Amino acid sequence: MNMEPWGQNAASTQAFTSLNRLKPEDNNAVLFELFQLLEDYAPAWYTEEHHNRAAAALEELLSQSLIC
C-alpha cells in the first residue's frame, strides 16, 4: 500500500485550506477537540511531555479567554 504523507494529497490539502478560513475562536475549538481526542485515546506516542505541553498551551488560551 502506497500512502502519501499528510499534506501530499488533494483531500488533506483541501482540509487544510478550509481550516485556514476558520475564525480564531473556531481554531481554538479545534485545538481543544484534538486535545480531548489525544487524552481519550492516548496513542502510544503521546507522552506525558506532549500532554504537559498541550495542557499548558490550552491553559494559556483559557487564561486569555480565547476558548471556553
PDB file of N, CA and C in Angstrom:
ATOM      1  N   MET A   1       0.834  -1.172   0.000  1.00  0.00           N
ATOM      2  CA  MET A   1       0.000   0.000   0.000  1.00  0.00           C
ATOM      3  C   MET A   1       0.881   1.237   0.000  1.00  0.00           C
ATOM      4  N   ASN A   2       0.670   2.110  -0.934  1.00  0.00           N
ATOM      5  CA  ASN A   2       1.462   3.328  -1.055  1.00  0.00           C
ATOM      6  C   ASN A   2       0.637   4.496  -0.535  1.00  0.00           C
ATOM      7  N   MET A   3       0.913   4.900   0.696  1.00  0.00           N
ATOM      8  CA  MET A   3       0.175   6.009   1.283  1.00  0.00           C
ATOM      9  C   MET A   3       1.006   7.277   1.190  1.00  0.00           C
ATOM     10  N   GLU A   4       0.326   8.359   0.818  1.00  0.00           N
ATOM     11  CA  GLU A   4       1.008   9.641   0.745  1.00  0.00           C
ATOM     12  C   GLU A   4       1.022  10.283   2.131  1.00  0.00           C
ATOM     13  N   PRO A   5       2.114  10.975   2.477  1.00  0.00           N
ATOM     14  CA  PRO A   5       2.151  11.650   3.768  1.00  0.00           C
ATOM     15  C   PRO A   5       1.090  12.747   3.835  1.00  0.00           C
ATOM     16  N   TRP A   6       0.683  13.109   5.074  1.00  0.00           N
ATOM     17  CA  TRP A   6      -0.288  14.170   5.272  1.00  0.00           C
ATOM     18  C   TRP A   6       0.170  15.419   4.539  1.00  0.00           C
ATOM     19  N   GLY A   7      -0.742  16.050   3.849  1.00  0.00           N
ATOM     20  CA  GLY A   7      -0.416  17.267   3.131  1.00  0.00           C
ATOM     21  C   GLY A   7       0.009  17.018   1.697  1.00  0.00           C
ATOM     22  N   GLN A   8       0.143  15.754   1.322  1.00  0.00           N
ATOM     23  CA  GLN A   8       0.608  15.444  -0.020  1.00  0.00           C
ATOM     24  C   GLN A   8      -0.511  15.009  -0.955  1.00  0.00           C
ATOM     25  N   ASN A   9      -1.735  14.934  -0.469  1.00  0.00           N
ATOM     26  CA  ASN A   9      -2.825  14.536  -1.353  1.00  0.00           C
ATOM     27  C   ASN A   9      -3.891  15.613  -1.382  1.00  0.00           C
ATOM     28  N   ALA A  10      -4.796  15.518  -2.343  1.00  0.00           N
ATOM     29  CA  ALA A  10      -5.793  16.558  -2.557  1.00  0.00           C
ATOM     30  C   ALA A  10      -6.730  16.706  -1.364  1.00  0.00           C
ATOM     31  N   ALA A  11      -7.139  15.609  -0.742  1.00  0.00           N
ATOM     32  CA  ALA A  11      -8.084  15.681   0.374  1.00  0.00           C
ATOM     33  C   ALA A  11      -7.484  16.420   1.560  1.00  0.00           C
ATOM     34  N   SER A  12      -6.241  16.112   1.897  1.00  0.00           N
ATOM     35  CA  SER A  12      -5.637  16.777   3.049  1.00  0.00           C
ATOM     36  C   SER A  12      -5.351  18.240   2.741  1.00  0.00           C
ATOM     37  N   THR A  13      -4.990  18.553   1.517  1.00  0.00           N
ATOM     38  CA  THR A  13      -4.754  19.936   1.127  1.00  0.00           C
ATOM     39  C   THR A  13      -6.052  20.726   1.211  1.00  0.00           C
ATOM     40  N   GLN A  14      -7.147  20.134   0.762  1.00  0.00           N
ATOM     41  CA  GLN A  14      -8.442  20.799   0.828  1.00  0.00           C
ATOM     42  C   GLN A  14      -8.852  21.017   2.289  1.00  0.00           C
ATOM     43  N   ALA A  15      -8.640  20.032   3.144  1.00  0.00           N
ATOM     44  CA  ALA A  15      -8.983  20.165   4.557  1.00  0.00           C
ATOM     45  C   ALA A  15      -8.161  21.274   5.198  1.00  0.00           C
ATOM     46  N   PHE A  16      -6.871  21.332   4.879  1.00  0.00           N
ATOM     47  CA  PHE A  16      -6.013  22.368   5.435  1.00  0.00           C
ATOM     48  C   PHE A  16      -6.455  23.744   4.966  1.00  0.00           C
ATOM     49  N   THR A  17      -6.812  23.867   3.708  1.00  0.00           N
ATOM     50  CA  THR A  17      -7.272  25.141   3.171  1.00  0.00           C
ATOM     51  C   THR A  17      -8.537  25.599   3.870  1.00  0.00           C
ATOM     52  N   SER A  18      -9.474  24.675   4.122  1.00  0.00           N
ATOM     53  CA  SER A  18     -10.699  25.070   4.803  1.00  0.00           C
ATOM     54  C   SER A  18     -10.415  25.436   6.261  1.00  0.00           C
ATOM     55  N   LEU A  19      -9.426  24.821   6.905  1.00  0.00           N
ATOM     56  CA  LEU A  19      -9.052  25.203   8.266  1.00  0.00           C
ATOM     57  C   LEU A  19      -8.522  26.631   8.313  1.00  0.00           C
ATOM     58  N   ASN A  20      -7.832  27.043   7.269  1.00  0.00           N
ATOM     59  CA  ASN A  20      -7.287  28.397   7.219  1.00  0.00           C
ATOM     60  C   ASN A  20      -8.379  29.458   7.178  1.00  0.00           C
ATOM     61  N   ARG A  21      -9.583  29.068   6.757  1.00  0.00           N
ATOM     62  CA  ARG A  21     -10.683  30.019   6.674  1.00  0.00           C
ATOM     63  C   ARG A  21     -11.459  30.143   7.982  1.00  0.00           C
ATOM     64  N   LEU A  22     -11.143  29.335   8.973  1.00  0.00           N
ATOM     65  CA  LEU A  22     -11.849  29.385  10.243  1.00  0.00           C
ATOM     66  C   LEU A  22     -11.486  30.655  11.003  1.00  0.00           C
ATOM     67  N   LYS A  23     -12.426  31.133  11.794  1.00  0.00           N
ATOM     68  CA  LYS A  23     -12.163  32.265  12.670  1.00  0.00           C
ATOM     69  C   LYS A  23     -11.272  31.789  13.818  1.00  0.00           C
ATOM     70  N   PRO A  24     -10.536  32.703  14.458  1.00  0.00           N
ATOM     71  CA  PRO A  24      -9.645  32.289  15.554  1.00  0.00           C
ATOM     72  C   PRO A  24     -10.342  31.466  16.626  1.00  0.00           C
ATOM     73  N   GLU A  25     -11.560  31.818  17.006  1.00  0.00           N
ATOM     74  CA  GLU A  25     -12.242  31.044  18.039  1.00  0.00           C
ATOM     75  C   GLU A  25     -12.568  29.639  17.557  1.00  0.00           C
ATOM     76  N   ASP A  26     -12.823  29.472  16.245  1.00  0.00           N
ATOM     77  CA  ASP A  26     -13.032  28.140  15.689  1.00  0.00           C
ATOM     78  C   ASP A  26     -11.743  27.336  15.751  1.00  0.00           C
ATOM     79  N   ASN A  27     -10.631  27.977  15.450  1.00  0.00           N
ATOM     80  CA  ASN A  27      -9.333  27.298  15.524  1.00  0.00           C
ATOM     81  C   ASN A  27      -9.069  26.806  16.941  1.00  0.00           C
ATOM     82  N   ASN A  28      -9.386  27.641  17.911  1.00  0.00           N
ATOM     83  CA  ASN A  28      -9.178  27.249  19.301  1.00  0.00           C
ATOM     84  C   ASN A  28     -10.061  26.066  19.680  1.00  0.00           C
ATOM     85  N   ALA A  29     -11.293  26.056  19.185  1.00  0.00           N
ATOM     86  CA  ALA A  29     -12.193  24.936  19.457  1.00  0.00           C
ATOM     87  C   ALA A  29     -11.642  23.655  18.841  1.00  0.00           C
ATOM     88  N   VAL A  30     -11.062  23.759  17.658  1.00  0.00           N
ATOM     89  CA  VAL A  30     -10.454  22.597  17.005  1.00  0.00           C
ATOM     90  C   VAL A  30      -9.282  22.089  17.826  1.00  0.00           C
ATOM     91  N   LEU A  31      -8.443  22.996  18.306  1.00  0.00           N
ATOM     92  CA  LEU A  31      -7.318  22.587  19.148  1.00  0.00           C
ATOM     93  C   LEU A  31      -7.791  21.881  20.408  1.00  0.00           C
ATOM     94  N   PHE A  32      -8.849  22.403  21.029  1.00  0.00           N
ATOM     95  CA  PHE A  32      -9.378  21.777  22.231  1.00  0.00           C
ATOM     96  C   PHE A  32      -9.926  20.385  21.917  1.00  0.00           C
ATOM     97  N   GLU A  33     -10.614  20.261  20.785  1.00  0.00           N
ATOM     98  CA  GLU A  33     -11.151  18.954  20.381  1.00  0.00           C
ATOM     99  C   GLU A  33     -10.027  17.951  20.142  1.00  0.00           C
ATOM    100  N   LEU A  34      -8.968  18.384  19.492  1.00  0.00           N
ATOM    101  CA  LEU A  34      -7.824  17.496  19.262  1.00  0.00           C
ATOM    102  C   LEU A  34      -7.174  17.080  20.575  1.00  0.00           C
ATOM    103  N   PHE A  35      -7.067  18.016  21.506  1.00  0.00           N
ATOM    104  CA  PHE A  35      -6.523  17.693  22.821  1.00  0.00           C
ATOM    105  C   PHE A  35      -7.383  16.626  23.499  1.00  0.00           C
ATOM    106  N   GLN A  36      -8.702  16.805  23.439  1.00  0.00           N
ATOM    107  CA  GLN A  36      -9.608  15.836  24.051  1.00  0.00           C
ATOM    108  C   GLN A  36      -9.450  14.449  23.410  1.00  0.00           C
ATOM    109  N   LEU A  37      -9.300  14.412  22.094  1.00  0.00           N
ATOM    110  CA  LEU A  37      -9.106  13.136  21.411  1.00  0.00           C
ATOM    111  C   LEU A  37      -7.807  12.463  21.860  1.00  0.00           C
ATOM    112  N   LEU A  38      -6.747  13.250  21.954  1.00  0.00           N
ATOM    113  CA  LEU A  38      -5.478  12.687  22.416  1.00  0.00           C
ATOM    114  C   LEU A  38      -5.599  12.155  23.834  1.00  0.00           C
ATOM    115  N   GLU A  39      -6.275  12.889  24.685  1.00  0.00           N
ATOM    116  CA  GLU A  39      -6.457  12.454  26.063  1.00  0.00           C
ATOM    117  C   GLU A  39      -7.311  11.185  26.137  1.00  0.00           C
ATOM    118  N   ASP A  40      -8.370  11.133  25.330  1.00  0.00           N
ATOM    119  CA  ASP A  40      -9.280   9.982  25.365  1.00  0.00           C
ATOM    120  C   ASP A  40      -8.643   8.710  24.804  1.00  0.00           C
ATOM    121  N   TYR A  41      -7.911   8.854  23.696  1.00  0.00           N
ATOM    122  CA  TYR A  41      -7.366   7.670  23.024  1.00  0.00           C
ATOM    123  C   TYR A  41      -5.926   7.361  23.415  1.00  0.00           C
ATOM    124  N   ALA A  42      -5.218   8.338  23.917  1.00  0.00           N
ATOM    125  CA  ALA A  42      -3.840   8.180  24.398  1.00  0.00           C
ATOM    126  C   ALA A  42      -3.002   7.233  23.537  1.00  0.00           C
ATOM    127  N   PRO A  43      -2.691   7.654  22.290  1.00  0.00           N
ATOM    128  CA  PRO A  43      -1.852   6.797  21.453  1.00  0.00           C
ATOM    129  C   PRO A  43      -0.484   6.555  22.107  1.00  0.00           C
ATOM    130  N   ALA A  44       0.154   5.487  21.709  1.00  0.00           N
ATOM    131  CA  ALA A  44       1.424   5.074  22.326  1.00  0.00           C
ATOM    132  C   ALA A  44       2.478   6.181  22.267  1.00  0.00           C
ATOM    133  N   TRP A  45       2.478   6.966  21.225  1.00  0.00           N
ATOM    134  CA  TRP A  45       3.492   8.001  21.072  1.00  0.00           C
ATOM    135  C   TRP A  45       3.177   9.262  21.889  1.00  0.00           C
ATOM    136  N   TYR A  46       1.969   9.364  22.433  1.00  0.00           N
ATOM    137  CA  TYR A  46       1.548  10.553  23.182  1.00  0.00           C
ATOM    138  C   TYR A  46       2.096  10.471  24.604  1.00  0.00           C
ATOM    139  N   THR A  47       3.211  11.139  24.807  1.00  0.00           N
ATOM    140  CA  THR A  47       3.925  11.043  26.082  1.00  0.00           C
ATOM    141  C   THR A  47       3.394  12.052  27.095  1.00  0.00           C
ATOM    142  N   GLU A  48       3.844  11.901  28.326  1.00  0.00           N
ATOM    143  CA  GLU A  48       3.482  12.868  29.365  1.00  0.00           C
ATOM    144  C   GLU A  48       3.974  14.266  28.999  1.00  0.00           C
ATOM    145  N   GLU A  49       5.128  14.334  28.341  1.00  0.00           N
ATOM    146  CA  GLU A  49       5.649  15.635  27.901  1.00  0.00           C
ATOM    147  C   GLU A  49       4.693  16.275  26.897  1.00  0.00           C
ATOM    148  N   HIS A  50       4.187  15.489  25.934  1.00  0.00           N
ATOM    149  CA  HIS A  50       3.208  16.018  24.985  1.00  0.00           C
ATOM    150  C   HIS A  50       1.975  16.540  25.729  1.00  0.00           C
ATOM    151  N   HIS A  51       1.483  15.719  26.665  1.00  0.00           N
ATOM    152  CA  HIS A  51       0.310  16.116  27.443  1.00  0.00           C
ATOM    153  C   HIS A  51       0.565  17.435  28.165  1.00  0.00           C
ATOM    154  N   ASN A  52       1.702  17.544  28.850  1.00  0.00           N
ATOM    155  CA  ASN A  52       2.008  18.747  29.623  1.00  0.00           C
ATOM    156  C   ASN A  52       2.103  19.984  28.737  1.00  0.00           C
ATOM    157  N   ARG A  53       2.733  19.847  27.588  1.00  0.00           N
ATOM    158  CA  ARG A  53       2.866  20.982  26.666  1.00  0.00           C
ATOM    159  C   ARG A  53       1.512  21.411  26.132  1.00  0.00           C
ATOM    160  N   ALA A  54       0.693  20.438  25.731  1.00  0.00           N
ATOM    161  CA  ALA A  54      -0.634  20.751  25.194  1.00  0.00           C
ATOM    162  C   ALA A  54      -1.515  21.369  26.272  1.00  0.00           C
ATOM    163  N   ALA A  55      -1.475  20.803  27.467  1.00  0.00           N
ATOM    164  CA  ALA A  55      -2.281  21.329  28.568  1.00  0.00           C
ATOM    165  C   ALA A  55      -1.865  22.759  28.912  1.00  0.00           C
ATOM    166  N   ALA A  56      -0.581  23.039  28.915  1.00  0.00           N
ATOM    167  CA  ALA A  56      -0.090  24.389  29.204  1.00  0.00           C
ATOM    168  C   ALA A  56      -0.543  25.371  28.126  1.00  0.00           C
ATOM    169  N   ALA A  57      -0.495  24.957  26.879  1.00  0.00           N
ATOM    170  CA  ALA A  57      -0.936  25.826  25.781  1.00  0.00           C
ATOM    171  C   ALA A  57      -2.423  26.126  25.893  1.00  0.00           C
ATOM    172  N   LEU A  58      -3.220  25.099  26.188  1.00  0.00           N
ATOM    173  CA  LEU A  58      -4.654  25.312  26.353  1.00  0.00           C
ATOM    174  C   LEU A  58      -4.946  26.179  27.570  1.00  0.00           C
ATOM    175  N   GLU A  59      -4.203  25.980  28.640  1.00  0.00           N
ATOM    176  CA  GLU A  59      -4.370  26.814  29.838  1.00  0.00           C
ATOM    177  C   GLU A  59      -4.116  28.275  29.508  1.00  0.00           C
ATOM    178  N   GLU A  60      -3.109  28.535  28.690  1.00  0.00           N
ATOM    179  CA  GLU A  60      -2.808  29.912  28.276  1.00  0.00           C
ATOM    180  C   GLU A  60      -3.973  30.497  27.483  1.00  0.00           C
ATOM    181  N   LEU A  61      -4.529  29.723  26.558  1.00  0.00           N
ATOM    182  CA  LEU A  61      -5.686  30.199  25.792  1.00  0.00           C
ATOM    183  C   LEU A  61      -6.875  30.466  26.713  1.00  0.00           C
ATOM    184  N   LEU A  62      -7.092  29.575  27.678  1.00  0.00           N
ATOM    185  CA  LEU A  62      -8.187  29.764  28.622  1.00  0.00           C
ATOM    186  C   LEU A  62      -7.988  31.030  29.456  1.00  0.00           C
ATOM    187  N   SER A  63      -6.757  31.269  29.903  1.00  0.00           N
ATOM    188  CA  SER A  63      -6.486  32.453  30.729  1.00  0.00           C
ATOM    189  C   SER A  63      -6.701  33.743  29.943  1.00  0.00           C
ATOM    190  N   GLN A  64      -6.561  33.675  28.637  1.00  0.00           N
ATOM    191  CA  GLN A  64      -6.785  34.831  27.775  1.00  0.00           C
ATOM    192  C   GLN A  64      -8.237  34.883  27.297  1.00  0.00           C
ATOM    193  N   SER A  65      -9.052  33.947  27.801  1.00  0.00           N
ATOM    194  CA  SER A  65     -10.457  33.832  27.417  1.00  0.00           C
ATOM    195  C   SER A  65     -10.633  33.653  25.915  1.00  0.00           C
ATOM    196  N   LEU A  66      -9.685  32.969  25.299  1.00  0.00           N
ATOM    197  CA  LEU A  66      -9.774  32.723  23.863  1.00  0.00           C
ATOM    198  C   LEU A  66     -10.567  31.476  23.557  1.00  0.00           C
ATOM    199  N   ILE A  67     -10.696  30.586  24.551  1.00  0.00           N
ATOM    200  CA  ILE A  67     -11.562  29.417  24.392  1.00  0.00           C
ATOM    201  C   ILE A  67     -12.385  29.259  25.665  1.00  0.00           C
ATOM    202  N   CYS A  68     -13.512  28.622  25.504  1.00  0.00           N
ATOM    203  CA  CYS A  68     -14.415  28.415  26.657  1.00  0.00           C
ATOM    204  C   CYS A  68     -14.296  27.009  27.175  1.00  0.00           C
TER     205      CYS A  68
END
